[in-house]
C-alpha cells in the first residue's frame, strides 16, 4: 500500500468513527435518524473496503461490525419513543 493510499484509508477509518460518535451523542431526536443513517452508510462503505483489503479478520472490521450493531439497536430504540418523549441520558 502506498503512503497516499494508506493516508486515505486512515482518513476513511477516522470518518466512520466521527459519524458514529455524532449519532451516539446526538441529543436532538429530530436529527438523530439522519445521524444514524449517515453513520451506517459510512460504516457499510468502510466494511466493504476492509473486506476487500483485509478479509474478515481485522480489528477495525470487528469495530465496524460492533458499531453497526449498536446503531441498529439505537434506531430501534428511537422508533419506539413517543414523539415528545426525551431520549434517556
C-alpha atoms as a PDB file:
ATOM      1  CA  UNK A   1       0.000   0.000   0.000  1.00  0.00           C
ATOM      2  CA  UNK A   2       1.415   3.392  -0.964  1.00  0.00           C
ATOM      3  CA  UNK A   3       1.661   6.224   1.533  1.00  0.00           C
ATOM      4  CA  UNK A   4      -1.163   8.096  -0.249  1.00  0.00           C
ATOM      5  CA  UNK A   5      -3.438   5.038  -0.164  1.00  0.00           C
ATOM      6  CA  UNK A   6      -2.555   4.443   3.469  1.00  0.00           C
ATOM      7  CA  UNK A   7      -3.404   8.056   4.369  1.00  0.00           C
ATOM      8  CA  UNK A   8      -6.728   7.832   2.524  1.00  0.00           C
ATOM      9  CA  UNK A   9      -7.580   4.554   4.280  1.00  0.00           C
ATOM     10  CA  UNK A  10      -6.724   6.115   7.641  1.00  0.00           C
ATOM     11  CA  UNK A  11      -8.976   9.091   6.893  1.00  0.00           C
ATOM     12  CA  UNK A  12     -11.864   6.795   5.967  1.00  0.00           C
ATOM     13  CA  UNK A  13     -11.304   4.857   9.166  1.00  0.00           C
ATOM     14  CA  UNK A  14     -11.452   8.079  11.161  1.00  0.00           C
ATOM     15  CA  UNK A  15     -14.545   9.349   9.301  1.00  0.00           C
ATOM     16  CA  UNK A  16     -16.838   6.480  10.307  1.00  0.00           C
ATOM     17  CA  UNK A  17     -15.740   6.893  13.916  1.00  0.00           C
ATOM     18  CA  UNK A  18     -16.629  10.598  13.873  1.00  0.00           C
ATOM     19  CA  UNK A  19     -20.044   9.948  12.340  1.00  0.00           C
ATOM     20  CA  UNK A  20     -20.685   7.080  14.756  1.00  0.00           C
ATOM     21  CA  UNK A  21     -19.907   9.270  17.776  1.00  0.00           C
ATOM     22  CA  UNK A  22     -22.058  12.075  16.369  1.00  0.00           C
ATOM     23  CA  UNK A  23     -25.001   9.663  16.159  1.00  0.00           C
ATOM     24  CA  UNK A  24     -24.448   8.238  19.628  1.00  0.00           C
ATOM     25  CA  UNK A  25     -24.229  11.643  21.283  1.00  0.00           C
ATOM     26  CA  UNK A  26     -26.915  13.466  19.282  1.00  0.00           C
ATOM     27  CA  UNK A  27     -29.430  14.952  21.706  1.00  0.00           C
ATOM     28  CA  UNK A  28     -31.898  16.335  19.161  1.00  0.00           C
ATOM     29  CA  UNK A  29     -34.334  13.489  18.435  1.00  0.00           C
ATOM     30  CA  UNK A  30     -35.289  15.059  15.125  1.00  0.00           C
ATOM     31  CA  UNK A  31     -31.687  14.959  13.893  1.00  0.00           C
ATOM     32  CA  UNK A  32     -30.961  11.512  15.274  1.00  0.00           C
ATOM     33  CA  UNK A  33     -32.404   9.398  12.418  1.00  0.00           C
ATOM     34  CA  UNK A  34     -30.305  11.227   9.823  1.00  0.00           C
ATOM     35  CA  UNK A  35     -27.197  10.979  12.026  1.00  0.00           C
ATOM     36  CA  UNK A  36     -27.741   7.232  12.358  1.00  0.00           C
ATOM     37  CA  UNK A  37     -28.272   6.825   8.607  1.00  0.00           C
ATOM     38  CA  UNK A  38     -25.150   8.828   7.779  1.00  0.00           C
ATOM     39  CA  UNK A  39     -23.033   6.790  10.203  1.00  0.00           C
ATOM     40  CA  UNK A  40     -24.455   3.500   8.915  1.00  0.00           C
ATOM     41  CA  UNK A  41     -23.627   4.465   5.341  1.00  0.00           C
ATOM     42  CA  UNK A  42     -20.025   5.292   6.269  1.00  0.00           C
ATOM     43  CA  UNK A  43     -19.717   2.064   8.269  1.00  0.00           C
ATOM     44  CA  UNK A  44     -21.023  -0.088   5.431  1.00  0.00           C
ATOM     45  CA  UNK A  45     -18.651   1.529   2.948  1.00  0.00           C
ATOM     46  CA  UNK A  46     -15.724   1.013   5.320  1.00  0.00           C
ATOM     47  CA  UNK A  47     -16.721  -2.610   5.967  1.00  0.00           C
ATOM     48  CA  UNK A  48     -16.665  -3.271   2.220  1.00  0.00           C
ATOM     49  CA  UNK A  49     -13.236  -1.662   1.889  1.00  0.00           C
ATOM     50  CA  UNK A  50     -11.856  -3.665   4.784  1.00  0.00           C
ATOM     51  CA  UNK A  51     -13.272  -6.910   3.462  1.00  0.00           C
ATOM     52  CA  UNK A  52     -11.680  -6.275   0.065  1.00  0.00           C
ATOM     53  CA  UNK A  53      -8.266  -5.469   1.540  1.00  0.00           C
ATOM     54  CA  UNK A  54      -8.022  -7.403   4.820  1.00  0.00           C
ATOM     55  CA  UNK A  55     -10.592 -10.138   4.645  1.00  0.00           C
ATOM     56  CA  UNK A  56     -12.815 -10.626   7.649  1.00  0.00           C
ATOM     57  CA  UNK A  57     -10.161 -10.733  10.367  1.00  0.00           C
ATOM     58  CA  UNK A  58      -9.192  -7.149  11.079  1.00  0.00           C
ATOM     59  CA  UNK A  59      -9.562  -5.310  14.371  1.00  0.00           C
ATOM     60  CA  UNK A  60     -11.182  -2.382  12.599  1.00  0.00           C
ATOM     61  CA  UNK A  61     -13.554  -4.768  10.846  1.00  0.00           C
ATOM     62  CA  UNK A  62     -14.720  -6.070  14.206  1.00  0.00           C
ATOM     63  CA  UNK A  63     -15.130  -2.499  15.473  1.00  0.00           C
ATOM     64  CA  UNK A  64     -17.212  -1.658  12.383  1.00  0.00           C
ATOM     65  CA  UNK A  65     -19.453  -4.679  12.986  1.00  0.00           C
ATOM     66  CA  UNK A  66     -19.957  -3.709  16.634  1.00  0.00           C
ATOM     67  CA  UNK A  67     -20.715  -0.094  15.719  1.00  0.00           C
ATOM     68  CA  UNK A  68     -23.304  -1.182  13.133  1.00  0.00           C
ATOM     69  CA  UNK A  69     -24.949  -3.405  15.720  1.00  0.00           C
ATOM     70  CA  UNK A  70     -25.071  -0.537  18.228  1.00  0.00           C
ATOM     71  CA  UNK A  71     -26.552   1.886  15.678  1.00  0.00           C
ATOM     72  CA  UNK A  72     -29.263  -0.586  14.727  1.00  0.00           C
ATOM     73  CA  UNK A  73     -30.152  -1.005  18.401  1.00  0.00           C
ATOM     74  CA  UNK A  74     -30.262   2.783  18.780  1.00  0.00           C
ATOM     75  CA  UNK A  75     -32.506   3.056  15.704  1.00  0.00           C
ATOM     76  CA  UNK A  76     -34.947   0.519  17.197  1.00  0.00           C
ATOM     77  CA  UNK A  77     -34.981   2.477  20.464  1.00  0.00           C
ATOM     78  CA  UNK A  78     -35.642   5.791  18.708  1.00  0.00           C
ATOM     79  CA  UNK A  79     -38.518   4.301  16.718  1.00  0.00           C
ATOM     80  CA  UNK A  80     -40.159   3.152  19.959  1.00  0.00           C
ATOM     81  CA  UNK A  81     -40.048   6.593  21.595  1.00  0.00           C
ATOM     82  CA  UNK A  82     -43.190   8.662  21.713  1.00  0.00           C
ATOM     83  CA  UNK A  83     -42.981  11.925  19.736  1.00  0.00           C
ATOM     84  CA  UNK A  84     -42.375  14.187  22.740  1.00  0.00           C
ATOM     85  CA  UNK A  85     -40.553  11.720  24.970  1.00  0.00           C
ATOM     86  CA  UNK A  86     -36.954  12.784  25.670  1.00  0.00           C
ATOM     87  CA  UNK A  87     -34.103  10.401  24.964  1.00  0.00           C
ATOM     88  CA  UNK A  88     -32.732   8.779  28.134  1.00  0.00           C
ATOM     89  CA  UNK A  89     -29.371  10.139  29.263  1.00  0.00           C
END
